[in-house]
Amino acid sequence: MTLLTKHIPILLSLLTPYLATASGTSASTVSKTVPPLKQAKETVRVAVAQMTIKREELKPGQDTVDALGPWMQRAVTEKADLLVFPEYLLGDFQLPDELTDKLCRQAKHYNLNVIVGGWEYLPGQKIQHPPKPGTYANTVLVVDRAGKVAGKHRKMHSAIGANSPYCWPPEADERGEQTMVLGEENGVVDLDFGRIGLLTCYDGYFFESFEMSSLRGAEVLVWVNSRGGMVEPHIIKAASFITCTHVVASNQSVGCGSAICPYPGWALAAVAEKQGEEAFLVANLDLAELRRQRLNNRMLHQRRPEIYTPITQAWRPWEAYPDLKAFSYPPKAPGAGSGN
């Protein structure tokens, strides 16, 4: 093999973008096929549980799935098709293990699609506290009515810098989500009523997180959270309108703002506004009309991905302010840790 022959594949990979441009196409203008829905119902009845689990209140022999059971029963009473729990609730798990198997059995028992977040430890990794960096992820599980894990989503952006007024930068010795494995794309999952897209807490501050799921065919975007304060209704409504989707948000009851927002996002069908209180929301979402809207939505038809390439580039907009001093943490006393 000659040196030139050996390097032909590398040369072709480097030249492909230029060859495509010369032919009038580019990687950003190549059409992407979205697979047809596997199943489709005209409406879906969604329930959201704004709650938390206090481990110290669990009875001997009980686990986090037991704490979810009464909420599942309530969703069945309300004839819900989908029950959305907040982030973190499930606790530590691996796929599969006794906890996730039990969750699957419960979903099948209640004939309910269930979404809940927890800490997934990667295969072969030991569950320990604090976790070893790079061994775990903040993961949302989707379990269908048949009791199968239909899909999952790993949080794509780490929430860090809790001791900064800007939530940035992380502290030098910070752990928490700073050390977890990040997801590379949204979970998009087909269920018995249609297609959903997933995002977790801080993912929702990056609008691409909503849009990527919608472009891949998601009709209902599920945004799970666990934080103090309110899940921002203006973000929920804007996401619904811009992406042509229904949006469902959950939060633990340490905060509030769980909501169900039908397209086009003019108003929330249900919202839990009281900080620190448990709440149970239920609403019907019209999927038949949403599909007609998505079929004919002018923004979906008139996207110009060829001009959006700056979004994929690593800009440093803060460099526009060289005369300003960025926030920094004061020096710590010797031996003091970040507490994270």
Protein backbone atom coordinates (compact mmCIF):
# COMPACT_ATOMS: atom_id res chain seq x y z
CA MET A 1 0.00 0.00 0.00
CA THR A 2 1.44 3.37 -1.04
CA LEU A 3 1.46 6.36 1.27
CA LEU A 4 -1.10 8.12 -0.96
CA THR A 5 -3.45 5.14 -0.99
CA LYS A 6 -3.20 4.84 2.75
CA HIS A 7 -4.32 8.43 3.24
CA ILE A 8 -7.11 8.56 0.61
CA PRO A 9 -9.91 7.94 3.20
CA ILE A 10 -8.58 10.77 5.37
CA LEU A 11 -8.31 13.14 2.39
CA LEU A 12 -11.83 12.33 1.27
CA SER A 13 -13.25 13.01 4.75
CA LEU A 14 -11.54 16.40 4.78
CA LEU A 15 -12.69 17.32 1.27
CA THR A 16 -16.31 16.14 1.58
CA PRO A 17 -17.69 19.45 2.96
CA TYR A 18 -16.04 21.39 0.14
CA LEU A 19 -17.18 18.95 -2.54
CA ALA A 20 -20.74 19.13 -1.19
CA THR A 21 -20.65 22.94 -1.24
CA ALA A 22 -19.42 22.93 -4.84
CA SER A 23 -22.33 20.72 -5.84
CA GLY A 24 -24.82 23.06 -4.18
CA THR A 25 -25.42 21.00 -1.06
CA SER A 26 -23.90 20.84 2.39
CA ALA A 27 -24.07 18.60 5.43
CA SER A 28 -26.52 21.03 7.03
CA THR A 29 -28.94 20.89 4.05
CA VAL A 30 -29.09 17.12 3.63
CA SER A 31 -32.66 16.05 4.40
CA LYS A 32 -33.09 13.93 7.50
CA THR A 33 -35.77 11.27 7.49
CA VAL A 34 -38.05 11.13 10.51
CA PRO A 35 -39.55 7.64 10.93
CA PRO A 36 -43.35 7.34 10.97
CA LEU A 37 -45.00 7.01 14.36
CA LYS A 38 -45.16 3.42 15.57
CA GLN A 39 -48.49 4.05 17.30
CA ALA A 40 -50.78 7.07 17.36
CA LYS A 41 -53.81 8.02 19.44
CA GLU A 42 -55.84 11.18 18.95
CA THR A 43 -55.44 12.35 22.55
CA VAL A 44 -53.25 11.59 25.54
CA ARG A 45 -54.15 12.16 29.17
CA VAL A 46 -51.06 13.26 31.08
CA ALA A 47 -50.51 13.36 34.84
CA VAL A 48 -47.64 15.06 36.68
CA ALA A 49 -46.63 14.33 40.27
CA GLN A 50 -44.94 17.25 42.03
CA MET A 51 -43.54 15.50 45.08
CA THR A 52 -40.39 14.39 46.83
CA ILE A 53 -39.23 11.29 48.67
CA LYS A 54 -37.86 11.63 52.18
CA ARG A 55 -35.69 8.57 52.64
CA GLU A 56 -35.96 8.77 56.43
CA GLU A 57 -39.74 8.36 56.16
CA LEU A 58 -39.56 5.10 54.22
CA LYS A 59 -40.60 2.12 56.33
CA PRO A 60 -38.24 -0.84 56.79
CA GLY A 61 -38.13 -2.84 53.59
CA GLN A 62 -39.53 0.00 51.49
CA ASP A 63 -37.70 1.63 48.60
CA THR A 64 -38.27 4.58 46.29
CA VAL A 65 -40.54 2.61 43.96
CA ASP A 66 -42.86 1.92 46.91
CA ALA A 67 -43.08 5.69 47.45
CA LEU A 68 -44.14 6.16 43.82
CA GLY A 69 -46.93 3.57 44.07
CA PRO A 70 -49.69 5.80 45.55
CA TRP A 71 -49.10 8.35 42.82
CA MET A 72 -49.39 5.65 40.18
CA GLN A 73 -52.67 4.54 41.74
CA ARG A 74 -53.90 8.12 41.64
CA ALA A 75 -52.95 8.39 37.97
CA VAL A 76 -54.96 5.24 37.25
CA THR A 77 -57.94 6.69 39.09
CA GLU A 78 -57.63 9.78 36.89
CA LYS A 79 -57.43 7.52 33.79
CA ALA A 80 -54.04 8.93 32.81
CA ASP A 81 -52.01 7.41 29.99
CA LEU A 82 -48.70 8.90 31.13
CA LEU A 83 -47.41 9.79 34.59
CA VAL A 84 -44.38 12.09 34.83
CA PHE A 85 -42.32 12.20 38.02
CA PRO A 86 -39.45 14.65 38.76
CA GLU A 87 -35.70 14.28 38.44
CA TYR A 88 -33.58 12.24 40.93
CA LEU A 89 -36.52 10.49 42.65
CA LEU A 90 -35.61 6.90 41.84
CA GLY A 91 -32.21 7.22 43.50
CA ASP A 92 -29.25 4.99 42.56
CA PHE A 93 -29.75 2.22 40.02
CA GLN A 94 -28.17 0.19 37.26
CA LEU A 95 -29.92 -1.26 34.22
CA PRO A 96 -31.25 -3.73 34.97
CA ASP A 97 -31.37 -4.23 38.73
CA GLU A 98 -33.94 -5.07 41.40
CA LEU A 99 -35.12 -1.46 41.67
CA THR A 100 -35.69 -0.95 37.93
CA ASP A 101 -37.29 -4.39 37.62
CA LYS A 102 -39.70 -3.43 40.39
CA LEU A 103 -40.48 -0.14 38.65
CA CYS A 104 -41.26 -2.05 35.47
CA ARG A 105 -43.56 -4.44 37.32
CA GLN A 106 -45.42 -1.52 38.86
CA ALA A 107 -45.91 0.20 35.52
CA LYS A 108 -47.27 -3.04 34.07
CA HIS A 109 -49.50 -3.62 37.10
CA TYR A 110 -51.03 -0.17 36.77
CA ASN A 111 -51.10 -0.33 32.94
CA LEU A 112 -49.35 3.04 32.88
CA ASN A 113 -46.53 4.75 31.00
CA VAL A 114 -44.15 6.12 33.67
CA ILE A 115 -41.27 8.61 33.50
CA VAL A 116 -38.92 9.12 36.46
CA GLY A 117 -35.36 10.32 37.00
CA GLY A 118 -32.50 8.87 39.06
CA TRP A 119 -28.77 8.24 39.23
CA GLU A 120 -27.70 5.58 36.75
CA TYR A 121 -24.40 3.85 37.45
CA LEU A 122 -22.69 2.58 34.34
CA PRO A 123 -22.35 -1.18 33.75
CA GLY A 124 -19.63 -2.74 35.89
CA GLN A 125 -19.38 0.30 38.18
CA LYS A 126 -19.89 0.14 41.92
CA ILE A 127 -22.65 2.23 43.48
CA GLN A 128 -20.90 4.34 46.10
CA HIS A 129 -21.05 7.78 47.76
CA PRO A 130 -19.53 10.00 46.70
CA PRO A 131 -19.55 8.40 43.25
CA LYS A 132 -16.34 7.89 41.36
CA PRO A 133 -16.08 10.49 38.55
CA GLY A 134 -17.15 9.18 35.17
CA THR A 135 -19.09 6.21 36.55
CA TYR A 136 -22.64 7.58 36.69
CA ALA A 137 -25.19 9.73 34.86
CA ASN A 138 -28.30 11.73 35.70
CA THR A 139 -30.79 9.59 33.80
CA VAL A 140 -34.52 9.69 33.10
CA LEU A 141 -36.18 6.33 32.49
CA VAL A 142 -39.29 5.77 30.38
CA VAL A 143 -41.20 2.61 31.24
CA ASP A 144 -44.16 1.63 29.07
CA ARG A 145 -47.44 -0.06 29.96
CA ALA A 146 -45.98 -3.47 29.16
CA GLY A 147 -43.39 -2.98 31.89
CA LYS A 148 -40.46 -2.49 29.53
CA VAL A 149 -37.83 0.25 29.62
CA ALA A 150 -38.85 1.93 26.38
CA GLY A 151 -36.05 4.52 26.46
CA LYS A 152 -33.98 6.85 28.56
CA HIS A 153 -32.30 10.24 28.53
CA ARG A 154 -29.04 11.28 30.14
CA LYS A 155 -28.79 14.90 31.22
CA MET A 156 -26.68 16.76 28.66
CA HIS A 157 -25.62 19.82 30.67
CA SER A 158 -24.25 19.72 34.22
CA ALA A 159 -25.72 22.14 36.75
CA ILE A 160 -22.71 23.47 38.65
CA GLY A 161 -21.46 26.54 40.49
CA ALA A 162 -24.16 26.53 43.15
CA ASN A 163 -22.13 28.90 45.36
CA SER A 164 -21.83 31.55 42.66
CA PRO A 165 -24.54 34.20 42.13
CA TYR A 166 -24.30 33.31 38.42
CA CYS A 167 -24.20 29.52 38.90
CA TRP A 168 -20.84 29.74 37.12
CA PRO A 169 -17.98 28.89 37.27
CA PRO A 170 -17.66 25.60 39.15
CA GLU A 171 -15.42 25.64 42.17
CA ALA A 172 -11.99 24.09 41.76
CA ASP A 173 -12.82 21.05 43.91
CA GLU A 174 -16.51 20.82 43.02
CA ARG A 175 -18.01 17.38 42.48
CA GLY A 176 -21.75 16.77 42.00
CA GLU A 177 -22.79 16.89 38.36
CA GLN A 178 -19.36 18.19 37.45
CA THR A 179 -18.12 14.60 37.52
CA MET A 180 -21.01 12.74 35.86
CA VAL A 181 -21.17 11.32 32.34
CA LEU A 182 -23.10 13.71 30.08
CA GLY A 183 -25.67 12.65 27.51
CA GLU A 184 -24.94 13.26 23.84
CA GLU A 185 -28.51 13.65 22.52
CA ASN A 186 -32.10 13.87 23.72
CA GLY A 187 -33.97 10.70 24.43
CA VAL A 188 -36.77 10.37 21.86
CA VAL A 189 -39.17 7.53 22.64
CA ASP A 190 -42.22 6.03 20.93
CA LEU A 191 -45.08 5.11 23.28
CA ASP A 192 -48.55 3.76 22.62
CA PHE A 193 -50.03 7.22 22.03
CA GLY A 194 -47.24 8.90 20.06
CA ARG A 195 -43.66 10.12 20.31
CA ILE A 196 -42.09 11.98 23.24
CA GLY A 197 -38.81 13.85 23.71
CA LEU A 198 -36.92 14.18 26.98
CA LEU A 199 -34.78 16.80 28.66
CA THR A 200 -33.60 17.26 32.23
CA CYS A 201 -33.60 20.42 34.36
CA TYR A 202 -30.64 22.58 33.19
CA ASP A 203 -30.98 21.13 29.67
CA GLY A 204 -34.03 23.38 29.36
CA TYR A 205 -31.86 26.50 29.57
CA PHE A 206 -30.34 25.52 26.22
CA PHE A 207 -33.15 25.95 23.74
CA GLU A 208 -31.57 23.50 21.33
CA SER A 209 -32.56 20.80 23.83
CA PHE A 210 -36.23 21.41 23.07
CA GLU A 211 -35.76 21.87 19.33
CA MET A 212 -33.66 18.76 18.69
CA SER A 213 -36.40 16.48 20.02
CA SER A 214 -39.10 18.20 18.00
CA LEU A 215 -37.07 17.93 14.79
CA ARG A 216 -36.70 14.20 15.39
CA GLY A 217 -40.48 13.84 15.56
CA ALA A 218 -41.30 14.29 19.24
CA GLU A 219 -44.84 15.59 19.80
CA VAL A 220 -44.77 15.89 23.59
CA LEU A 221 -41.63 17.28 25.22
CA VAL A 222 -41.15 16.12 28.82
CA TRP A 223 -38.91 18.35 30.95
CA VAL A 224 -38.13 16.81 34.36
CA ASN A 225 -36.67 18.99 37.11
CA SER A 226 -35.62 18.96 40.74
CA ARG A 227 -34.87 22.41 42.12
CA GLY A 228 -35.99 25.14 44.43
CA GLY A 229 -38.01 27.95 42.92
CA MET A 230 -40.36 27.70 39.98
CA VAL A 231 -39.89 25.95 36.67
CA GLU A 232 -40.14 28.97 34.41
CA PRO A 233 -43.57 29.17 32.71
CA HIS A 234 -42.24 31.54 30.05
CA ILE A 235 -39.70 28.91 28.96
CA ILE A 236 -42.40 26.21 28.85
CA LYS A 237 -44.74 28.37 26.75
CA ALA A 238 -42.03 29.59 24.39
CA ALA A 239 -40.79 26.03 23.87
CA SER A 240 -44.29 24.87 22.96
CA PHE A 241 -44.77 27.61 20.38
CA ILE A 242 -41.34 27.53 18.77
CA THR A 243 -41.11 23.73 18.53
CA CYS A 244 -44.79 23.04 17.71
CA THR A 245 -45.16 20.57 20.58
CA HIS A 246 -47.04 20.05 23.80
CA VAL A 247 -44.72 20.53 26.80
CA VAL A 248 -44.95 18.78 30.16
CA ALA A 249 -42.73 19.88 33.07
CA SER A 250 -42.26 18.26 36.48
CA ASN A 251 -40.48 19.47 39.60
CA GLN A 252 -39.92 18.11 43.07
CA SER A 253 -42.01 19.72 45.78
CA VAL A 254 -38.94 21.49 47.18
CA GLY A 255 -39.87 23.95 44.44
CA CYS A 256 -42.88 24.38 42.19
CA GLY A 257 -43.86 25.11 38.60
CA SER A 258 -44.80 21.64 37.38
CA ALA A 259 -47.02 22.27 34.39
CA ILE A 260 -48.85 20.89 31.37
CA CYS A 261 -48.79 23.20 28.35
CA PRO A 262 -50.74 22.46 25.17
CA TYR A 263 -49.55 23.85 21.84
CA PRO A 264 -49.35 26.71 20.86
CA GLY A 265 -48.35 27.71 24.38
CA TRP A 266 -50.73 30.61 24.94
CA ALA A 267 -51.69 29.27 28.38
CA LEU A 268 -50.90 26.43 30.77
CA ALA A 269 -53.63 23.81 31.07
CA ALA A 270 -52.45 23.01 34.61
CA VAL A 271 -49.72 24.39 36.87
CA ALA A 272 -48.53 23.90 40.46
CA GLU A 273 -47.69 27.41 41.62
CA LYS A 274 -47.19 27.00 45.37
CA GLN A 275 -43.61 26.62 46.50
CA GLY A 276 -42.88 23.59 48.66
CA GLU A 277 -46.27 21.88 48.22
CA GLU A 278 -47.09 18.55 46.67
CA ALA A 279 -49.42 18.68 43.70
CA PHE A 280 -50.99 16.35 41.17
CA LEU A 281 -51.80 17.72 37.73
CA VAL A 282 -53.90 16.12 35.00
CA ALA A 283 -54.82 17.37 31.54
CA ASN A 284 -55.79 16.04 28.12
CA LEU A 285 -53.57 16.91 25.16
CA ASP A 286 -54.97 16.91 21.61
CA LEU A 287 -52.53 14.93 19.46
CA ALA A 288 -54.68 14.77 16.32
CA GLU A 289 -54.77 18.55 15.98
CA LEU A 290 -51.11 18.85 16.93
CA ARG A 291 -50.20 16.49 14.07
CA ARG A 292 -52.16 18.62 11.61
CA GLN A 293 -50.28 21.64 12.88
CA ARG A 294 -46.89 19.92 12.62
CA LEU A 295 -47.69 18.65 9.14
CA ASN A 296 -48.31 22.22 7.99
CA ASN A 297 -46.18 24.26 10.40
CA ARG A 298 -44.47 27.00 8.41
CA MET A 299 -41.45 27.20 10.71
CA LEU A 300 -40.74 23.48 10.36
CA HIS A 301 -41.03 23.80 6.56
CA GLN A 302 -38.98 27.01 6.28
CA ARG A 303 -36.00 26.15 8.44
CA ARG A 304 -32.65 27.14 6.89
CA PRO A 305 -30.10 24.89 8.61
CA GLU A 306 -27.38 26.04 6.22
CA ILE A 307 -27.35 29.46 7.93
CA TYR A 308 -27.44 28.11 11.49
CA THR A 309 -23.89 26.75 11.52
CA PRO A 310 -22.66 29.46 13.97
CA ILE A 311 -24.74 27.69 16.64
CA THR A 312 -22.48 24.65 16.36
CA GLN A 313 -19.28 26.67 16.75
CA ALA A 314 -17.55 27.29 20.08
CA TRP A 315 -18.01 31.05 20.38
CA ARG A 316 -16.66 32.92 23.43
CA PRO A 317 -19.02 35.92 23.69
CA TRP A 318 -17.71 36.90 27.11
CA GLU A 319 -14.49 38.02 25.42
CA ALA A 320 -16.38 41.10 24.22
CA TYR A 321 -15.86 42.59 27.70
CA PRO A 322 -12.09 42.68 28.33
CA ASP A 323 -12.41 45.61 30.74
CA LEU A 324 -14.78 43.75 33.08
CA LYS A 325 -13.68 41.30 35.75
CA ALA A 326 -15.46 37.93 35.79
CA PHE A 327 -16.74 36.49 39.06
CA SER A 328 -14.25 34.40 41.01
CA TYR A 329 -14.44 32.65 44.36
CA PRO A 330 -12.56 34.07 47.33
CA PRO A 331 -9.57 32.04 48.50
CA LYS A 332 -10.49 29.21 50.81
CA ALA A 333 -8.96 28.53 54.15
CA PRO A 334 -6.54 25.60 54.09
CA GLY A 335 -8.42 22.29 54.32
CA ALA A 336 -11.81 23.82 53.44
CA GLY A 337 -13.82 21.96 50.80
CA SER A 338 -16.58 23.07 48.46
CA GLY A 339 -19.21 20.96 50.22
CA ASN A 340 -20.37 19.50 46.91
